[in-house]
Protein backbone atom coordinates (compact mmCIF):
# COMPACT_ATOMS: atom_id res chain seq x y z
CA MET A 1 -52.01 59.41 -58.85
CA THR A 2 -54.75 58.84 -56.37
CA THR A 3 -54.29 60.10 -52.72
CA ILE A 4 -56.49 58.59 -49.99
CA VAL A 5 -57.63 61.34 -47.55
CA GLY A 6 -57.66 60.63 -44.06
CA MET A 7 -55.04 58.15 -43.64
CA SER A 8 -51.84 59.06 -41.57
CA PRO A 9 -48.46 58.12 -43.28
CA GLY A 10 -46.69 55.08 -41.47
CA PRO A 11 -44.68 52.05 -42.27
CA VAL A 12 -45.96 49.94 -44.97
CA THR A 13 -45.75 46.22 -44.82
CA THR A 14 -45.19 44.63 -48.19
CA VAL A 15 -46.81 41.25 -49.03
CA PRO A 16 -43.19 39.66 -49.85
CA ALA A 17 -42.22 40.53 -46.34
CA VAL A 18 -45.11 39.06 -44.76
CA ARG A 19 -44.60 35.74 -46.71
CA ARG A 20 -41.00 35.52 -45.60
CA ALA A 21 -41.67 36.20 -42.00
CA ARG A 22 -44.12 33.33 -42.28
CA TRP A 23 -41.86 30.92 -43.89
CA ARG A 24 -39.24 31.88 -41.38
CA SER A 25 -41.62 30.94 -38.68
CA ARG A 26 -42.52 27.54 -40.18
CA LEU A 27 -38.79 26.65 -40.75
CA GLU A 28 -37.84 27.69 -37.15
CA GLY A 29 -40.89 25.61 -35.91
CA ALA A 30 -39.81 22.68 -38.07
CA ALA A 31 -36.10 22.92 -36.80
CA THR A 32 -36.90 23.04 -33.24
CA PRO A 33 -37.96 19.26 -32.84
CA ALA A 34 -34.67 18.44 -34.66
CA ARG A 35 -32.55 20.52 -32.54
CA LEU A 36 -34.16 18.87 -29.35
CA ARG A 37 -33.52 15.42 -30.77
CA LEU A 38 -29.80 16.01 -31.40
CA LEU A 39 -29.42 17.65 -27.83
CA LEU A 40 -31.08 14.56 -26.34
CA ALA A 41 -28.73 12.31 -28.07
CA LEU A 42 -25.66 14.35 -27.14
CA LEU A 43 -26.64 14.54 -23.29
CA ILE A 44 -27.47 10.78 -23.30
CA LEU A 45 -23.86 10.24 -24.95
CA LEU A 46 -22.20 12.42 -22.58
CA SER A 47 -23.99 11.13 -19.28
CA LEU A 48 -23.05 7.57 -20.51
CA ALA A 49 -19.59 8.48 -21.18
CA TRP A 50 -19.13 10.32 -17.72
CA GLY A 51 -20.59 7.01 -16.12
CA VAL A 52 -18.01 4.93 -17.75
CA LEU A 53 -14.94 7.39 -17.08
CA ALA A 54 -16.02 7.92 -13.41
CA ALA A 55 -16.77 4.04 -12.79
CA LEU A 56 -13.52 3.22 -14.43
CA THR A 57 -11.71 5.84 -12.32
CA ALA A 58 -13.51 4.32 -9.15
CA ASP A 59 -12.65 0.80 -9.99
CA GLN A 60 -8.82 1.34 -10.68
CA HIS A 61 -8.31 3.14 -7.30
CA ALA A 62 -10.54 0.71 -5.53
CA SER A 63 -8.75 -2.36 -6.95
CA ALA A 64 -5.35 -0.93 -5.99
CA ALA A 65 -6.63 -0.05 -2.48
CA ALA A 66 -8.03 -3.51 -2.14
CA ASP A 67 -4.64 -5.10 -3.36
CA VAL A 68 -2.88 -3.00 -0.83
CA VAL A 69 -5.03 -4.43 2.03
CA ALA A 70 -5.74 -8.02 0.59
CA VAL A 71 -2.26 -9.15 -0.71
CA SER A 72 0.41 -6.49 -0.67
CA GLU A 73 0.15 -5.82 3.12
CA PRO A 74 -0.07 -9.43 4.17
CA LEU A 75 2.76 -10.55 1.87
CA SER A 76 4.96 -7.62 3.14
CA LEU A 77 4.07 -8.50 6.67
CA ASP A 78 4.89 -12.22 6.09
CA ALA A 79 8.20 -11.30 4.52
CA GLU A 80 9.16 -9.01 7.52
CA GLN A 81 8.04 -11.64 9.96
CA ILE A 82 10.15 -14.36 8.12
CA TYR A 83 12.98 -12.15 8.10
CA THR A 84 12.97 -11.08 11.83
CA SER A 85 12.04 -14.55 13.14
CA LEU A 86 14.93 -16.15 11.27
CA SER A 87 17.16 -13.58 12.50
CA ASP A 88 16.00 -13.96 15.95
CA ALA A 89 16.25 -17.82 15.90
CA ASP A 90 19.94 -17.47 15.10
CA ALA A 91 20.76 -15.10 17.75
CA THR A 92 18.78 -17.21 20.33
CA ALA A 93 20.41 -20.39 19.19
CA ALA A 94 23.68 -18.78 19.45
CA SER A 95 22.90 -17.34 23.01
CA ALA A 96 21.64 -20.68 24.25
CA PHE A 97 24.69 -22.43 23.03
CA LEU A 98 26.85 -20.25 25.25
CA ALA A 99 24.99 -21.90 28.37
CA GLY A 100 26.77 -25.07 27.62
CA GLY A 101 25.16 -28.42 28.19
CA LEU A 102 21.37 -28.42 28.39
CA GLU A 103 20.31 -24.96 27.16
CA PRO A 104 17.82 -22.94 29.24
CA ALA A 105 14.17 -23.88 28.75
CA ALA A 106 13.24 -20.13 27.84
CA ALA A 107 15.69 -19.89 25.15
CA ARG A 108 14.91 -23.26 23.63
CA GLN A 109 11.12 -22.31 23.64
CA ARG A 110 11.96 -19.12 21.91
CA TYR A 111 13.98 -20.72 19.21
CA GLN A 112 11.39 -23.21 18.55
CA ALA A 113 8.60 -20.35 18.31
CA ASP A 114 10.76 -18.47 15.86
CA ILE A 115 11.06 -21.55 13.76
CA THR A 116 7.33 -22.33 13.87
CA GLU A 117 6.45 -18.63 12.98
CA ALA A 118 8.78 -18.57 10.08
CA ALA A 119 7.42 -21.82 8.69
CA ILE A 120 3.85 -20.64 8.93
CA ARG A 121 4.70 -17.30 7.47
CA ILE A 122 6.34 -19.18 4.54
CA GLU A 123 3.31 -21.21 4.05
CA ALA A 124 1.03 -18.23 4.13
CA ALA A 125 3.13 -16.15 1.82
CA SER A 126 3.18 -19.15 -0.67
CA ALA A 127 -0.60 -19.23 -0.70
CA LEU A 128 -0.80 -15.56 -1.19
CA VAL A 129 1.58 -15.47 -4.02
CA GLY A 130 -0.50 -18.26 -5.58
CA SER A 131 -3.59 -16.21 -5.40
CA SER A 132 -1.90 -13.09 -6.51
CA ALA A 133 -1.58 -14.35 -10.13
CA ALA A 134 -5.28 -14.07 -10.48
CA ARG A 135 -5.11 -10.19 -9.68
CA THR A 136 -6.43 -9.37 -13.30
CA LYS A 137 -8.42 -6.25 -12.31
CA LEU A 138 -5.16 -4.20 -11.47
CA PRO A 139 -3.86 -1.64 -14.19
CA GLY A 140 -1.75 -3.36 -16.65
CA HIS A 141 1.62 -2.22 -15.62
CA LEU A 142 0.93 -2.96 -12.02
CA ALA A 143 -0.39 -6.43 -12.95
CA ASN A 144 2.69 -7.07 -14.97
CA GLN A 145 4.86 -6.06 -12.02
CA VAL A 146 2.91 -8.22 -9.77
CA SER A 147 3.42 -11.20 -12.25
CA ALA A 148 7.17 -10.82 -12.62
CA ALA A 149 7.57 -10.20 -8.70
CA GLY A 150 5.35 -13.21 -8.04
CA SER A 151 7.76 -15.55 -9.99
CA ALA A 152 10.96 -14.51 -8.16
CA VAL A 153 9.30 -14.40 -4.82
CA GLY A 154 7.91 -17.96 -5.55
CA ASP A 155 11.54 -18.99 -6.10
CA ASP A 156 12.55 -17.53 -2.96
CA LEU A 157 9.89 -19.22 -1.02
CA ALA A 158 10.80 -22.50 -2.46
CA MET A 159 14.45 -21.77 -1.42
CA LEU A 160 13.30 -20.98 2.10
CA SER A 161 10.85 -24.25 2.39
CA GLY A 162 13.70 -26.45 1.36
CA GLN A 163 16.51 -24.91 3.20
CA LEU A 164 14.94 -24.27 6.42
CA PRO A 165 14.80 -28.03 7.52
CA ALA A 166 18.43 -28.12 6.71
CA TYR A 167 19.18 -25.08 8.98
CA THR A 168 17.26 -26.68 11.99
CA ASP A 169 19.09 -29.93 11.43
CA GLU A 170 22.44 -28.10 11.70
CA VAL A 171 21.39 -26.57 14.93
CA GLY A 172 19.87 -29.85 16.37
CA THR A 173 23.25 -31.49 15.78
CA ALA A 174 25.21 -28.64 17.21
CA ARG A 175 22.93 -28.82 20.52
CA ALA A 176 23.34 -32.59 20.81
CA ASP A 177 27.12 -32.31 20.72
CA ASN A 178 26.97 -29.45 23.05
CA ARG A 179 25.17 -31.46 25.52
CA LEU A 180 27.78 -34.00 25.23
CA GLY A 181 30.66 -31.77 25.70
CA LEU A 182 31.89 -32.19 22.01
CA PRO A 183 33.69 -29.18 20.64
CA LEU A 184 32.43 -30.22 17.18
CA GLY A 185 28.80 -28.64 18.15
CA ALA A 186 30.31 -25.14 17.96
CA ALA A 187 31.42 -26.10 14.18
CA TYR A 188 28.04 -27.21 13.37
CA LEU A 189 26.39 -24.07 14.95
CA ARG A 190 28.82 -21.97 12.82
CA GLU A 191 27.89 -23.93 9.70
CA ALA A 192 23.97 -23.44 10.53
CA SER A 193 24.52 -19.60 11.14
CA ALA A 194 26.46 -19.39 7.62
CA LEU A 195 23.46 -21.22 5.85
CA LEU A 196 21.06 -18.88 7.40
CA ARG A 197 22.96 -15.81 6.63
CA GLY A 198 24.19 -16.97 3.10
CA THR A 199 20.91 -18.41 2.00
CA LEU A 200 17.86 -18.06 4.19
CA LEU A 201 18.23 -14.42 5.21
CA PRO A 202 18.95 -13.31 1.65
CA ALA A 203 15.94 -15.00 0.39
CA ALA A 204 13.92 -13.54 3.10
CA SER A 205 15.23 -10.02 2.35
CA ASP A 206 14.68 -10.48 -1.30
CA ILE A 207 10.91 -11.30 -0.73
CA TYR A 208 10.66 -8.40 1.65
CA THR A 209 12.17 -5.94 -0.62
CA ARG A 210 9.84 -7.17 -3.60
CA GLU A 211 6.89 -7.05 -1.60
CA SER A 212 7.66 -3.59 -0.14
CA ALA A 213 7.97 -2.32 -3.83
CA LEU A 214 4.83 -3.82 -4.83
CA LEU A 215 3.01 -2.32 -1.62
CA THR A 216 4.42 1.11 -2.81
CA SER A 217 3.22 0.79 -6.53
CA ALA A 218 -0.12 -0.47 -5.22
CA SER A 219 -0.37 2.56 -2.82
CA ALA A 220 0.95 5.12 -5.58
CA GLN A 221 -1.78 3.71 -7.92
CA ALA A 222 -4.54 3.97 -5.36
CA THR A 223 -3.64 7.74 -4.50
CA GLY A 224 -2.58 8.76 -8.02
CA LEU A 225 -4.01 12.04 -9.53
CA PRO A 226 -4.10 11.83 -13.25
CA LEU A 227 -7.08 9.69 -13.77
CA ILE A 228 -9.03 11.54 -11.11
CA VAL A 229 -8.25 15.02 -12.39
CA ILE A 230 -9.45 13.87 -15.97
CA ALA A 231 -12.67 12.62 -14.53
CA VAL A 232 -13.28 15.72 -12.34
CA LEU A 233 -12.69 17.92 -15.51
CA ALA A 234 -15.06 15.70 -17.55
CA GLY A 235 -17.83 16.01 -14.88
CA LEU A 236 -17.35 19.79 -14.80
CA GLY A 237 -17.58 19.89 -18.32
CA LEU A 238 -20.83 17.96 -18.65
CA GLY A 239 -22.40 20.25 -15.96
CA TYR A 240 -21.49 23.13 -18.05
CA VAL A 241 -23.23 21.36 -21.01
CA LEU A 242 -26.25 20.66 -19.02
CA PHE A 243 -26.42 24.28 -17.74
CA ARG A 244 -26.09 25.77 -21.26
CA SER A 245 -28.72 23.20 -22.47
CA SER A 246 -31.11 24.32 -19.87
CA ARG A 247 -30.55 27.96 -20.83
CA TRP A 248 -31.29 27.30 -24.41
CA LEU A 249 -34.61 25.57 -23.58
CA SER A 250 -35.45 28.46 -21.43
CA ARG A 251 -35.17 30.88 -24.20
CA HIS A 252 -36.92 28.54 -26.81
CA THR A 253 -39.85 27.22 -24.68
CA HIS A 254 -40.21 30.31 -22.35
CA ARG A 255 -40.08 27.87 -19.31
CA VAL A 256 -37.77 28.87 -16.33
CA VAL A 257 -36.89 25.41 -15.14
CA ASN A 258 -36.72 22.12 -16.95
CA TYR A 259 -37.11 19.67 -14.25
CA GLY A 260 -35.58 16.62 -16.13
CA LEU A 261 -32.28 18.46 -16.83
CA LEU A 262 -32.49 19.76 -13.13
CA LEU A 263 -32.60 16.08 -12.10
CA ALA A 264 -29.62 15.21 -14.39
CA ALA A 265 -27.61 17.99 -13.07
CA LEU A 266 -28.36 17.02 -9.40
CA ALA A 267 -27.38 13.49 -10.06
CA GLY A 268 -24.19 14.69 -11.80
CA LEU A 269 -23.19 16.95 -8.95
CA VAL A 270 -23.99 14.23 -6.38
CA SER A 271 -21.83 11.71 -8.38
CA LEU A 272 -19.09 14.26 -8.73
CA VAL A 273 -18.92 15.22 -5.14
CA TRP A 274 -19.02 11.69 -4.04
CA LEU A 275 -16.08 10.57 -6.29
CA THR A 276 -13.88 13.44 -5.44
CA GLY A 277 -14.84 13.13 -1.64
CA ALA A 278 -14.36 9.20 -1.56
CA PHE A 279 -10.89 9.82 -3.38
CA ALA A 280 -9.92 12.49 -0.90
CA VAL A 281 -10.69 10.34 1.97
CA GLY A 282 -9.21 7.25 0.60
CA ARG A 283 -5.99 9.02 -0.60
CA GLY A 284 -5.43 10.61 2.90
CA ASP A 285 -5.87 7.54 4.70
CA LEU A 286 -3.50 5.47 2.37
CA LEU A 287 -0.91 8.25 2.37
CA HIS A 288 -1.10 8.09 6.23
CA ALA A 289 -0.83 4.24 5.95
CA GLN A 290 2.21 4.60 4.00
CA GLN A 291 3.69 7.61 5.84
CA GLN A 292 3.13 6.69 9.37
CA GLY A 293 2.57 2.97 8.99
CA SER A 294 4.41 0.82 6.63
CA GLY A 295 7.60 3.25 6.01
CA PRO A 296 8.28 3.55 9.71
CA ALA A 297 7.58 -0.23 10.32
CA GLN A 298 10.16 -1.04 7.68
CA ALA A 299 12.76 1.17 9.06
CA PHE A 300 12.26 -0.50 12.51
CA ALA A 301 12.25 -3.82 10.90
CA ARG A 302 15.66 -3.33 9.24
CA ALA A 303 17.11 -2.11 12.46
CA GLU A 304 15.85 -4.99 14.55
CA VAL A 305 17.43 -7.65 11.95
CA ALA A 306 20.70 -5.77 12.09
CA ALA A 307 20.70 -5.71 16.10
CA LEU A 308 19.74 -9.45 16.10
CA GLN A 309 22.57 -10.29 13.80
CA ALA A 310 24.87 -8.27 15.82
CA HIS A 311 23.72 -10.05 18.84
CA ALA A 312 24.40 -13.49 17.23
CA ASP A 313 27.78 -12.18 16.30
CA GLU A 314 28.46 -11.39 19.90
CA SER A 315 27.49 -14.87 21.05
CA LEU A 316 29.39 -16.53 18.09
CA THR A 317 32.59 -14.73 18.92
CA LEU A 318 32.30 -15.97 22.60
CA ILE A 319 31.59 -19.39 21.42
CA ASP A 320 34.77 -19.39 19.10
CA ASN A 321 36.68 -18.06 22.36
CA THR A 322 39.79 -16.98 20.14
CA GLY A 323 39.37 -13.28 20.85
CA ASP A 324 38.39 -10.56 18.39
CA ASP A 325 37.51 -12.96 15.36
CA ASP A 326 35.70 -12.43 12.00
CA TYR A 327 32.39 -12.34 14.03
CA GLN A 328 33.50 -9.49 16.13
CA LYS A 329 34.38 -7.76 12.81
CA ASP A 330 30.97 -8.43 11.66
CA TYR A 331 29.49 -7.01 14.80
CA LEU A 332 31.39 -3.78 14.45
CA LYS A 333 30.19 -3.32 10.96
CA LEU A 334 26.75 -4.01 11.99
CA GLN A 335 27.12 -1.44 14.78
CA LYS A 336 28.23 1.13 12.23
CA LEU A 337 25.18 0.28 9.95
CA LEU A 338 22.67 0.38 12.86
CA GLY A 339 23.88 3.58 14.38
CA PRO A 340 22.82 6.16 15.72
CA GLY A 341 23.99 8.63 13.55
CA PRO A 342 23.19 10.39 10.27
CA GLY A 343 22.26 7.73 7.43
CA THR A 344 21.93 4.83 9.75
CA LEU A 345 19.13 2.33 10.50
CA LEU A 346 18.39 3.88 13.82
CA ALA A 347 18.26 7.27 12.47
CA ALA A 348 15.62 6.18 9.97
CA THR A 349 13.37 5.08 12.82
CA GLY A 350 13.51 8.42 14.49
CA SER A 351 13.52 6.92 18.03
CA SER A 352 15.57 8.55 20.37
CA GLN A 353 15.08 5.90 22.89
CA ALA A 354 16.25 3.08 20.62
CA ALA A 355 19.33 5.11 19.97
CA ALA A 356 20.14 5.64 23.65
CA GLN A 357 19.54 2.00 24.39
CA ALA A 358 21.69 0.88 21.30
CA GLN A 359 24.52 3.23 22.78
CA ALA A 360 24.16 1.44 26.17
CA TRP A 361 24.38 -2.03 24.65
CA TYR A 362 27.53 -0.98 22.71
CA GLN A 363 29.15 0.08 26.12
CA ALA A 364 28.27 -3.31 27.59
CA HIS A 365 29.64 -5.16 24.68
CA GLN A 366 32.89 -3.11 24.92
CA ALA A 367 32.87 -4.29 28.43
CA LEU A 368 32.28 -7.91 27.75
CA ARG A 369 35.00 -7.93 24.96
CA ALA A 370 37.46 -6.30 27.47
CA GLN A 371 36.60 -8.98 29.92
CA ASP A 372 37.06 -11.91 27.31
CA ASP A 373 40.25 -10.27 25.97
CA ALA A 374 41.72 -10.26 29.47
CA GLY A 375 41.10 -13.72 30.02
CA ASN A 376 37.65 -13.60 31.94
CA HIS A 377 35.85 -15.60 29.44
CA PRO A 378 33.29 -16.94 32.06
CA GLY A 379 32.46 -13.29 33.17
CA ALA A 380 31.94 -12.44 29.40
CA VAL A 381 29.69 -15.25 28.94
CA ALA A 382 27.73 -14.13 31.94
CA SER A 383 27.34 -10.67 30.64
CA ALA A 384 25.95 -12.04 27.36
CA GLN A 385 23.73 -14.47 29.12
CA THR A 386 22.13 -12.44 32.10
CA GLY A 387 24.46 -9.57 32.65
CA ASP A 388 24.73 -5.91 31.53
CA ALA A 389 24.96 -7.03 27.72
CA ALA A 390 22.07 -9.15 27.71
CA ARG A 391 19.79 -6.63 29.68
CA SER A 392 20.90 -3.89 27.48
CA PHE A 393 20.19 -5.64 24.07
CA ALA A 394 16.81 -6.89 25.51
CA ARG A 395 15.61 -3.40 26.15
CA LEU A 396 16.81 -2.36 22.53
CA SER A 397 14.99 -5.33 21.07
CA ALA A 398 12.02 -4.61 22.73
CA THR A 399 11.82 -1.08 21.66
CA LEU A 400 12.25 -2.03 18.14
CA SER A 401 9.73 -4.77 18.38
CA GLU A 402 7.21 -2.38 19.87
CA GLY A 403 8.05 0.11 17.00
CA ILE A 404 7.06 -2.46 14.32
CA GLN A 405 4.00 -3.47 16.11
CA THR A 406 2.73 0.00 16.56
CA HIS A 407 3.29 1.15 12.98
CA GLN A 408 2.06 -2.02 11.60
CA ALA A 409 -1.19 -1.36 13.40
CA VAL A 410 -1.37 2.23 11.93
CA PHE A 411 -0.84 0.87 8.65
CA ALA A 412 -3.40 -1.88 8.83
CA SER A 413 -6.09 0.49 10.26
CA SER A 414 -5.45 3.37 7.73
CA ALA A 415 -5.03 1.07 4.83
CA ARG A 416 -8.55 -0.47 5.49
CA SER A 417 -10.12 2.82 6.04
CA GLY A 418 -8.64 4.10 2.64
CA ARG A 419 -9.97 0.82 0.96
CA ASP A 420 -13.42 1.24 2.53
CA ALA A 421 -13.73 4.82 1.24
CA PHE A 422 -14.13 3.39 -2.25
CA THR A 423 -16.69 0.82 -1.48
CA GLY A 424 -19.49 0.85 -3.84
CA LEU A 425 -18.15 3.92 -5.56
CA ALA A 426 -18.09 2.38 -9.15
CA ILE A 427 -21.58 1.19 -8.90
CA GLY A 428 -22.68 4.58 -7.62
CA MET A 429 -21.20 6.23 -10.47
CA ILE A 430 -22.88 4.09 -13.05
CA VAL A 431 -26.31 4.42 -11.40
CA ALA A 432 -25.84 8.18 -11.27
CA SER A 433 -25.17 8.16 -14.97
CA LEU A 434 -28.28 6.28 -15.52
CA VAL A 435 -30.27 8.70 -13.56
CA MET A 436 -28.76 11.45 -15.53
CA VAL A 437 -29.95 9.70 -18.93
CA ALA A 438 -33.47 9.36 -17.43
CA GLY A 439 -33.67 12.93 -16.28
CA CYS A 440 -32.53 14.09 -19.88
CA VAL A 441 -35.07 11.94 -21.59
CA TRP A 442 -37.63 13.03 -19.25
CA GLY A 443 -37.12 16.71 -19.58
CA LEU A 444 -36.55 16.81 -23.41
CA SER A 445 -39.20 14.30 -24.27
CA ARG A 446 -41.90 16.61 -22.93
CA ARG A 447 -40.60 19.49 -24.77
CA LEU A 448 -40.72 17.13 -28.08
CA ALA A 449 -44.17 16.11 -27.23
CA GLU A 450 -45.27 19.84 -27.48
CA TYR A 451 -44.46 19.52 -31.28
CA ARG A 452 -46.75 16.69 -32.18
């Protein structure tokens, strides 16, 4: 054995070990482009999937919000106006009849205005119901609900269109007989009131109930959380994948920043913030529209209709002039329904002013009935026409009408703001996803070019 003098001992690298290192280096070098291509394909797929999901989320919320403003709100408003106009027409016709002979001009004008308003609203609602059949962009269950409700509402509107002229003819005959002093006029007026309460008002109420339910469903769809939560989680997951991809590239290419992936990450962040911000703003406005707009307006409308029907009963009792009859019993039932008190219609409005005015009207009505029962029929009629009962009811009616108008204005403003929050959101999500794809292609293509 020969020893070489002068060489210090140390680690000895064998030829096989060197060869294995060379082959490993070659294999890693050959595998890196393949990994880059796979990563690029994955990032493109995820970016496009995010764009589709975000755009779908934005489109569904935007469609539901637009439906609230364009169809559900106007239909609900039309139904409410039909309901209140017909009720006011009935009450006004009965009150005017009490005057005897030629009714007061103001009462006649108010009656005609009510009938005209109801006819206009019926026509407008019919047009909206026809257009609502084309609302194919709504989510499936909501579109089906709209279709089913539209058919029923169409039947109710046809009923209103056909029976409203019959009601006005009955009232016209009652007026003509009343001018001639014929007692048959009271019978015609009672028949007209029975037609309105038995046919027209139930149809109007059915429309109002259905459209209010659709309005609530559309608002719930526009403010629902499940889909937006999935989209946000998907966006955060994509952000994490981009972060890990950037870290991997940094380790393998020894470059701190990949500007393409940075662009993709920024586009994803902007789109995610835009989506969540628009949803938060839109949801807040739509919830405010429902809680401070349509809900209270509906409560005031129901209270006003009950008050108007009770007012008509007050006049019809005096027209019959037979004492406390069935109309007076209906008045007392409506008084109990109207309130105030727990669970009553006035309690739902939350208006202490309307509650106090209702109590004042009830007291005036009791005094009116006491006069009539004591034989002072002219005094009771005067109270219902221009006296305490008339004034106290007018104050209550004005407060309820003002409540409806105020909350309807709140609803209209907030609902439109909620709808506008989603404007351009779906297109923005698609554009952002395409920017993300472009950034990924740019960033990884530059790295792939280094292996050619």
